[in-house]
C-alpha atoms as a PDB file:
ATOM      1  CA  MET A   1      14.183  11.143 -48.855  1.00  0.00           C
ATOM      2  CA  VAL A   2      16.143   7.944 -49.002  1.00  0.00           C
ATOM      3  CA  ARG A   3      18.761   8.154 -51.679  1.00  0.00           C
ATOM      4  CA  THR A   4      18.383   5.616 -54.461  1.00  0.00           C
ATOM      5  CA  ILE A   5      21.239   3.919 -56.213  1.00  0.00           C
ATOM      6  CA  ALA A   6      21.584   4.136 -59.969  1.00  0.00           C
ATOM      7  CA  ALA A   7      21.528   0.730 -61.565  1.00  0.00           C
ATOM      8  CA  VAL A   8      24.969  -0.632 -62.245  1.00  0.00           C
ATOM      9  CA  ALA A   9      23.515  -3.619 -64.018  1.00  0.00           C
ATOM     10  CA  VAL A  10      26.175  -4.922 -66.351  1.00  0.00           C
ATOM     11  CA  TRP A  11      25.158  -5.276 -69.990  1.00  0.00           C
ATOM     12  CA  LEU A  12      25.542  -8.878 -70.876  1.00  0.00           C
ATOM     13  CA  SER A  13      28.104 -10.167 -73.303  1.00  0.00           C
ATOM     14  CA  LEU A  14      25.471 -12.825 -73.910  1.00  0.00           C
ATOM     15  CA  VAL A  15      23.099 -10.431 -75.583  1.00  0.00           C
ATOM     16  CA  CYS A  16      23.533 -11.416 -79.180  1.00  0.00           C
ATOM     17  CA  GLY A  17      25.178 -14.738 -79.136  1.00  0.00           C
ATOM     18  CA  ALA A  18      25.953 -17.818 -77.114  1.00  0.00           C
ATOM     19  CA  PRO A  19      24.001 -20.084 -79.494  1.00  0.00           C
ATOM     20  CA  ALA A  20      25.440 -23.084 -77.652  1.00  0.00           C
ATOM     21  CA  TRP A  21      22.901 -22.322 -74.925  1.00  0.00           C
ATOM     22  CA  ALA A  22      20.002 -22.629 -77.322  1.00  0.00           C
ATOM     23  CA  ALA A  23      18.180 -25.814 -78.175  1.00  0.00           C
ATOM     24  CA  ASN A  24      17.514 -24.521 -81.693  1.00  0.00           C
ATOM     25  CA  ASP A  25      18.694 -21.868 -84.129  1.00  0.00           C
ATOM     26  CA  GLU A  26      15.420 -19.942 -83.994  1.00  0.00           C
ATOM     27  CA  ALA A  27      15.869 -19.149 -80.291  1.00  0.00           C
ATOM     28  CA  ALA A  28      19.393 -17.858 -80.911  1.00  0.00           C
ATOM     29  CA  ALA A  29      18.199 -15.803 -83.895  1.00  0.00           C
ATOM     30  CA  ARG A  30      15.391 -14.210 -81.899  1.00  0.00           C
ATOM     31  CA  ASN A  31      17.802 -13.391 -79.087  1.00  0.00           C
ATOM     32  CA  GLU A  32      20.189 -11.801 -81.577  1.00  0.00           C
ATOM     33  CA  ALA A  33      17.361  -9.744 -83.081  1.00  0.00           C
ATOM     34  CA  GLY A  34      16.378  -8.609 -79.607  1.00  0.00           C
ATOM     35  CA  GLY A  35      19.946  -7.518 -78.960  1.00  0.00           C
ATOM     36  CA  GLU A  36      19.919  -5.401 -82.102  1.00  0.00           C
ATOM     37  CA  PHE A  37      16.682  -3.699 -81.072  1.00  0.00           C
ATOM     38  CA  PHE A  38      18.155  -3.129 -77.636  1.00  0.00           C
ATOM     39  CA  ARG A  39      21.213  -1.355 -79.036  1.00  0.00           C
ATOM     40  CA  GLN A  40      18.853   0.924 -80.954  1.00  0.00           C
ATOM     41  CA  GLY A  41      17.010   1.803 -77.738  1.00  0.00           C
ATOM     42  CA  LYS A  42      13.876  -0.021 -78.916  1.00  0.00           C
ATOM     43  CA  PHE A  43      13.275  -1.847 -75.669  1.00  0.00           C
ATOM     44  CA  ALA A  44       9.675  -2.891 -76.301  1.00  0.00           C
ATOM     45  CA  GLU A  45      10.690  -4.528 -79.582  1.00  0.00           C
ATOM     46  CA  ALA A  46      13.671  -6.131 -77.866  1.00  0.00           C
ATOM     47  CA  ILE A  47      11.413  -7.594 -75.190  1.00  0.00           C
ATOM     48  CA  ALA A  48       9.132  -9.080 -77.831  1.00  0.00           C
ATOM     49  CA  GLU A  49      12.084 -10.812 -79.501  1.00  0.00           C
ATOM     50  CA  PHE A  50      13.498 -12.140 -76.221  1.00  0.00           C
ATOM     51  CA  GLN A  51      10.064 -13.523 -75.371  1.00  0.00           C
ATOM     52  CA  LYS A  52       9.895 -15.247 -78.754  1.00  0.00           C
ATOM     53  CA  ALA A  53      13.321 -16.734 -78.126  1.00  0.00           C
ATOM     54  CA  LEU A  54      12.062 -18.153 -74.854  1.00  0.00           C
ATOM     55  CA  GLN A  55       8.983 -19.522 -76.558  1.00  0.00           C
ATOM     56  CA  GLN A  56      11.358 -21.516 -78.727  1.00  0.00           C
ATOM     57  CA  ASP A  57      13.474 -22.581 -75.736  1.00  0.00           C
ATOM     58  CA  ALA A  58      12.270 -21.757 -72.235  1.00  0.00           C
ATOM     59  CA  ARG A  59      15.662 -22.673 -70.774  1.00  0.00           C
ATOM     60  CA  TYR A  60      17.686 -20.382 -73.026  1.00  0.00           C
ATOM     61  CA  LEU A  61      19.546 -18.424 -70.343  1.00  0.00           C
ATOM     62  CA  PRO A  62      20.932 -15.578 -72.514  1.00  0.00           C
ATOM     63  CA  ALA A  63      17.432 -14.613 -73.669  1.00  0.00           C
ATOM     64  CA  GLN A  64      16.111 -14.916 -70.126  1.00  0.00           C
ATOM     65  CA  LEU A  65      18.771 -12.584 -68.753  1.00  0.00           C
ATOM     66  CA  ASN A  66      18.343 -10.182 -71.645  1.00  0.00           C
ATOM     67  CA  LEU A  67      14.587 -10.085 -71.129  1.00  0.00           C
ATOM     68  CA  ALA A  68      15.067  -9.219 -67.465  1.00  0.00           C
ATOM     69  CA  TYR A  69      17.581  -6.506 -68.283  1.00  0.00           C
ATOM     70  CA  ALA A  70      15.359  -4.988 -70.968  1.00  0.00           C
ATOM     71  CA  TYR A  71      12.531  -4.725 -68.439  1.00  0.00           C
ATOM     72  CA  GLU A  72      14.987  -3.103 -66.047  1.00  0.00           C
ATOM     73  CA  ARG A  73      15.975  -0.500 -68.633  1.00  0.00           C
ATOM     74  CA  MET A  74      12.292   0.336 -69.081  1.00  0.00           C
ATOM     75  CA  ASN A  75      12.011   0.818 -65.316  1.00  0.00           C
ATOM     76  CA  ARG A  76       9.540  -2.066 -65.114  1.00  0.00           C
ATOM     77  CA  ARG A  77      11.087  -3.314 -61.918  1.00  0.00           C
ATOM     78  CA  ASP A  78       8.557  -5.923 -60.850  1.00  0.00           C
ATOM     79  CA  GLU A  79       8.780  -7.626 -64.228  1.00  0.00           C
ATOM     80  CA  ALA A  80      12.558  -7.387 -64.234  1.00  0.00           C
ATOM     81  CA  ILE A  81      12.713  -9.008 -60.811  1.00  0.00           C
ATOM     82  CA  ARG A  82      10.398 -11.780 -61.926  1.00  0.00           C
ATOM     83  CA  GLU A  83      12.549 -12.547 -64.963  1.00  0.00           C
ATOM     84  CA  TYR A  84      15.820 -12.427 -63.000  1.00  0.00           C
ATOM     85  CA  ARG A  85      14.349 -14.867 -60.502  1.00  0.00           C
ATOM     86  CA  THR A  86      13.368 -17.132 -63.405  1.00  0.00           C
ATOM     87  CA  ALA A  87      16.948 -16.904 -64.677  1.00  0.00           C
ATOM     88  CA  LEU A  88      18.159 -18.067 -61.272  1.00  0.00           C
ATOM     89  CA  THR A  89      16.038 -21.197 -61.549  1.00  0.00           C
ATOM     90  CA  LEU A  90      18.118 -21.970 -64.656  1.00  0.00           C
ATOM     91  CA  ALA A  91      21.463 -20.901 -63.192  1.00  0.00           C
ATOM     92  CA  PRO A  92      21.377 -20.327 -59.395  1.00  0.00           C
ATOM     93  CA  ASP A  93      24.937 -18.976 -59.305  1.00  0.00           C
ATOM     94  CA  ASN A  94      24.543 -16.521 -62.179  1.00  0.00           C
ATOM     95  CA  PHE A  95      26.412 -13.346 -61.291  1.00  0.00           C
ATOM     96  CA  PHE A  96      24.436 -10.989 -63.533  1.00  0.00           C
ATOM     97  CA  ALA A  97      21.064 -12.011 -62.137  1.00  0.00           C
ATOM     98  CA  ARG A  98      22.263 -11.787 -58.527  1.00  0.00           C
ATOM     99  CA  ASN A  99      23.963  -8.414 -58.998  1.00  0.00           C
ATOM    100  CA  ASN A 100      21.108  -6.834 -60.902  1.00  0.00           C
ATOM    101  CA  LEU A 101      18.506  -8.143 -58.472  1.00  0.00           C
ATOM    102  CA  GLY A 102      20.522  -6.617 -55.672  1.00  0.00           C
ATOM    103  CA  VAL A 103      20.555  -3.234 -57.410  1.00  0.00           C
ATOM    104  CA  LEU A 104      16.810  -3.356 -58.046  1.00  0.00           C
ATOM    105  CA  TYR A 105      16.029  -4.319 -54.465  1.00  0.00           C
ATOM    106  CA  ASP A 106      18.256  -1.497 -53.254  1.00  0.00           C
ATOM    107  CA  GLN A 107      16.413   1.011 -55.452  1.00  0.00           C
ATOM    108  CA  MET A 108      13.110  -0.198 -54.002  1.00  0.00           C
ATOM    109  CA  GLY A 109      14.270   0.135 -50.402  1.00  0.00           C
ATOM    110  CA  ARG A 110      14.397  -3.626 -49.881  1.00  0.00           C
ATOM    111  CA  TYR A 111      17.852  -3.441 -48.360  1.00  0.00           C
ATOM    112  CA  GLU A 112      17.946  -6.827 -46.646  1.00  0.00           C
ATOM    113  CA  ASP A 113      17.036  -8.541 -49.916  1.00  0.00           C
ATOM    114  CA  ALA A 114      19.585  -6.404 -51.758  1.00  0.00           C
ATOM    115  CA  ILE A 115      22.360  -7.362 -49.377  1.00  0.00           C
ATOM    116  CA  VAL A 116      21.544 -11.071 -49.677  1.00  0.00           C
ATOM    117  CA  GLU A 117      21.638 -10.958 -53.480  1.00  0.00           C
ATOM    118  CA  LEU A 118      24.811  -8.897 -53.678  1.00  0.00           C
ATOM    119  CA  GLU A 119      26.607 -11.174 -51.237  1.00  0.00           C
ATOM    120  CA  LEU A 120      25.605 -14.113 -53.437  1.00  0.00           C
ATOM    121  CA  ALA A 121      26.866 -12.196 -56.479  1.00  0.00           C
ATOM    122  CA  LEU A 122      30.237 -11.806 -54.780  1.00  0.00           C
ATOM    123  CA  LYS A 123      30.214 -15.474 -53.894  1.00  0.00           C
ATOM    124  CA  ALA A 124      29.730 -16.219 -57.593  1.00  0.00           C
ATOM    125  CA  GLU A 125      32.491 -13.777 -58.593  1.00  0.00           C
ATOM    126  CA  PRO A 126      34.741 -13.069 -55.588  1.00  0.00           C
ATOM    127  CA  GLY A 127      36.376  -9.667 -55.742  1.00  0.00           C
ATOM    128  CA  ASN A 128      34.069  -8.250 -58.408  1.00  0.00           C
ATOM    129  CA  ALA A 129      34.345  -4.479 -57.971  1.00  0.00           C
ATOM    130  CA  THR A 130      30.863  -3.683 -59.259  1.00  0.00           C
ATOM    131  CA  ALA A 131      29.110  -6.052 -56.875  1.00  0.00           C
ATOM    132  CA  ALA A 132      31.324  -4.967 -53.988  1.00  0.00           C
ATOM    133  CA  SER A 133      30.443  -1.316 -54.612  1.00  0.00           C
ATOM    134  CA  ASN A 134      26.741  -2.132 -54.896  1.00  0.00           C
ATOM    135  CA  LEU A 135      26.882  -4.105 -51.650  1.00  0.00           C
ATOM    136  CA  ALA A 136      28.591  -1.253 -49.808  1.00  0.00           C
ATOM    137  CA  ARG A 137      25.950   1.189 -51.040  1.00  0.00           C
ATOM    138  CA  ALA A 138      23.073  -1.098 -50.056  1.00  0.00           C
ATOM    139  CA  LYS A 139      24.521  -1.453 -46.554  1.00  0.00           C
ATOM    140  CA  LYS A 140      25.000   2.307 -46.333  1.00  0.00           C
ATOM    141  CA  ASN A 141      21.417   2.938 -47.433  1.00  0.00           C
ATOM    142  CA  GLN A 142      20.153   0.423 -44.911  1.00  0.00           C
ATOM    143  CA  ALA A 143      22.116   2.162 -42.149  1.00  0.00           C
ATOM    144  CA  ILE A 144      20.725   5.569 -43.211  1.00  0.00           C
ATOM    145  CA  VAL A 145      17.158   4.289 -43.069  1.00  0.00           C
ATOM    146  CA  GLN A 146      17.710   2.679 -39.684  1.00  0.00           C
ATOM    147  CA  GLU A 147      19.223   5.899 -38.309  1.00  0.00           C
ATOM    148  CA  ARG A 148      16.315   7.965 -39.611  1.00  0.00           C
ATOM    149  CA  LYS A 149      13.843   5.528 -38.111  1.00  0.00           C
ATOM    150  CA  MET A 150      15.560   5.867 -34.736  1.00  0.00           C
ATOM    151  CA  GLN A 151      15.487   9.669 -34.974  1.00  0.00           C
ATOM    152  CA  ILE A 152      11.771   9.677 -35.769  1.00  0.00           C
ATOM    153  CA  GLU A 153      10.996   7.239 -32.956  1.00  0.00           C
ATOM    154  CA  LYS A 154      12.932   9.424 -30.520  1.00  0.00           C
ATOM    155  CA  ALA A 155      11.090  12.553 -31.662  1.00  0.00           C
ATOM    156  CA  GLU A 156       7.740  10.760 -31.416  1.00  0.00           C
ATOM    157  CA  ARG A 157       8.486   9.742 -27.838  1.00  0.00           C
ATOM    158  CA  ALA A 158       9.364  13.351 -27.024  1.00  0.00           C
ATOM    159  CA  ALA A 159       6.111  14.592 -28.583  1.00  0.00           C
ATOM    160  CA  GLN A 160       4.089  11.964 -26.731  1.00  0.00           C
ATOM    161  CA  ALA A 161       5.784  12.940 -23.469  1.00  0.00           C
ATOM    162  CA  LYS A 162       4.693  16.555 -24.057  1.00  0.00           C
ATOM    163  CA  PRO A 163       1.291  16.183 -25.743  1.00  0.00           C
ATOM    164  CA  GLY A 164       0.499  19.875 -25.303  1.00  0.00           C
ATOM    165  CA  ASP A 165       3.826  21.226 -26.565  1.00  0.00           C
ATOM    166  CA  PRO A 166       3.549  22.726 -30.076  1.00  0.00           C
ATOM    167  CA  GLN A 167       7.347  22.860 -30.425  1.00  0.00           C
ATOM    168  CA  ALA A 168       7.663  19.086 -30.016  1.00  0.00           C
ATOM    169  CA  SER A 169       5.028  18.509 -32.703  1.00  0.00           C
ATOM    170  CA  TYR A 170       6.631  21.094 -34.981  1.00  0.00           C
ATOM    171  CA  TYR A 171      10.049  19.472 -34.630  1.00  0.00           C
ATOM    172  CA  LEU A 172       8.545  16.120 -35.609  1.00  0.00           C
ATOM    173  CA  ALA A 173       6.808  17.730 -38.597  1.00  0.00           C
ATOM    174  CA  ARG A 174      10.150  19.179 -39.734  1.00  0.00           C
ATOM    175  CA  LEU A 175      11.874  15.822 -39.296  1.00  0.00           C
ATOM    176  CA  HIS A 176       9.313  14.003 -41.424  1.00  0.00           C
ATOM    177  CA  ALA A 177       9.440  16.732 -44.064  1.00  0.00           C
ATOM    178  CA  SER A 178      13.222  16.522 -44.261  1.00  0.00           C
ATOM    179  CA  TYR A 179      12.922  12.807 -45.046  1.00  0.00           C
ATOM    180  CA  GLY A 180      10.169  13.259 -47.616  1.00  0.00           C
ATOM    181  CA  ASN A 181       7.404  11.783 -45.459  1.00  0.00           C
ATOM    182  CA  LYS A 182       4.611  14.068 -46.625  1.00  0.00           C
ATOM    183  CA  GLY A 183       1.662  12.524 -44.748  1.00  0.00           C
ATOM    184  CA  PRO A 184       3.219  12.458 -41.271  1.00  0.00           C
ATOM    185  CA  ALA A 185       4.816  15.869 -41.847  1.00  0.00           C
ATOM    186  CA  LEU A 186       1.425  17.451 -42.544  1.00  0.00           C
ATOM    187  CA  GLN A 187      -0.242  15.623 -39.660  1.00  0.00           C
ATOM    188  CA  TRP A 188       2.299  16.818 -37.104  1.00  0.00           C
ATOM    189  CA  LEU A 189       2.396  20.315 -38.564  1.00  0.00           C
ATOM    190  CA  GLN A 190      -1.363  20.538 -38.290  1.00  0.00           C
ATOM    191  CA  LYS A 191      -1.156  19.342 -34.692  1.00  0.00           C
ATOM    192  CA  ALA A 192       1.525  21.914 -33.877  1.00  0.00           C
ATOM    193  CA  LEU A 193      -0.680  24.696 -35.228  1.00  0.00           C
ATOM    194  CA  LYS A 194      -3.699  23.458 -33.286  1.00  0.00           C
ATOM    195  CA  LEU A 195      -1.585  23.385 -30.130  1.00  0.00           C
ATOM    196  CA  GLY A 196      -0.705  27.030 -30.619  1.00  0.00           C
ATOM    197  CA  PHE A 197       2.339  27.233 -32.858  1.00  0.00           C
ATOM    198  CA  LYS A 198       1.883  30.694 -34.336  1.00  0.00           C
ATOM    199  CA  ASP A 199       5.048  31.474 -36.292  1.00  0.00           C
ATOM    200  CA  ILE A 200       3.541  30.975 -39.751  1.00  0.00           C
ATOM    201  CA  ASP A 201       6.191  33.184 -41.355  1.00  0.00           C
ATOM    202  CA  SER A 202       8.867  30.845 -40.021  1.00  0.00           C
ATOM    203  CA  ILE A 203       7.112  27.861 -41.590  1.00  0.00           C
ATOM    204  CA  LYS A 204       6.843  29.673 -44.914  1.00  0.00           C
ATOM    205  CA  LYS A 205      10.553  30.446 -44.920  1.00  0.00           C
ATOM    206  CA  ASP A 206      11.758  27.103 -43.560  1.00  0.00           C
ATOM    207  CA  ALA A 207      13.684  25.350 -46.353  1.00  0.00           C
ATOM    208  CA  VAL A 208      12.799  21.947 -44.951  1.00  0.00           C
ATOM    209  CA  PHE A 209       9.261  22.466 -46.275  1.00  0.00           C
ATOM    210  CA  ASP A 210      10.362  23.490 -49.769  1.00  0.00           C
ATOM    211  CA  SER A 211       9.213  20.195 -51.300  1.00  0.00           C
ATOM    212  CA  LEU A 212       5.709  20.847 -49.917  1.00  0.00           C
ATOM    213  CA  ARG A 213       5.570  24.555 -50.709  1.00  0.00           C
ATOM    214  CA  GLU A 214       3.233  24.222 -53.710  1.00  0.00           C
ATOM    215  CA  ASP A 215       1.274  21.308 -52.265  1.00  0.00           C
ATOM    216  CA  ARG A 216      -2.424  22.096 -51.836  1.00  0.00           C
ATOM    217  CA  GLU A 217      -2.692  20.117 -48.609  1.00  0.00           C
ATOM    218  CA  PHE A 218       0.274  21.992 -47.132  1.00  0.00           C
ATOM    219  CA  GLN A 219      -1.330  25.320 -48.009  1.00  0.00           C
ATOM    220  CA  LEU A 220      -4.622  24.274 -46.422  1.00  0.00           C
ATOM    221  CA  VAL A 221      -2.826  23.251 -43.228  1.00  0.00           C
ATOM    222  CA  LEU A 222      -1.225  26.700 -43.020  1.00  0.00           C
ATOM    223  CA  GLN A 223      -4.660  28.237 -43.471  1.00  0.00           C
ATOM    224  CA  GLY A 224      -5.941  26.172 -40.567  1.00  0.00           C
ATOM    225  CA  LYS A 225      -8.267  24.077 -42.718  1.00  0.00           C
END
């Protein structure tokens, strides 16, 4: 499976303060209350307070960034991305939004988008070690995915060139299984068995299929069903 990158989203110094950003005291107070809930690990309550802050002042950047980050901590990625993008309409060069978007996109396998955002983060803060590390990891992940895609395409061409060869289909099944591609792995394994691959004991012992070992579909394939 493609390795994911742990979020290195930087907790904002803005979280409880920066009242100068706010149009009124109520927005700043709600943002501060949200920060307190956040520190207690009460992310749902924090989100509610950040939303109330934004109801008071929709252009209050600290609350907008904090709302996005709270969603991120709850692993609500789509909502986090939406709120970071809203923050960028308020401050297009904001480092935190760019960096954290890049990390989220990287986690989701959207490597091109991740690289764009992280390069913009570095443009906002040249030399920032966190963004530089995130960018390097996103590029590495992209390269890994591209290499795996090339390997699979090569194996598929080999299997297509030898449509009656069970070994070619079995190799492709193993390749997909090693990358966590359950559906294609089972399809090619089933084809290999239908073509005459008979070493069931080898399949049962092959570590590459460990992640599928208890899977009902995998067991049915081995039974020829």
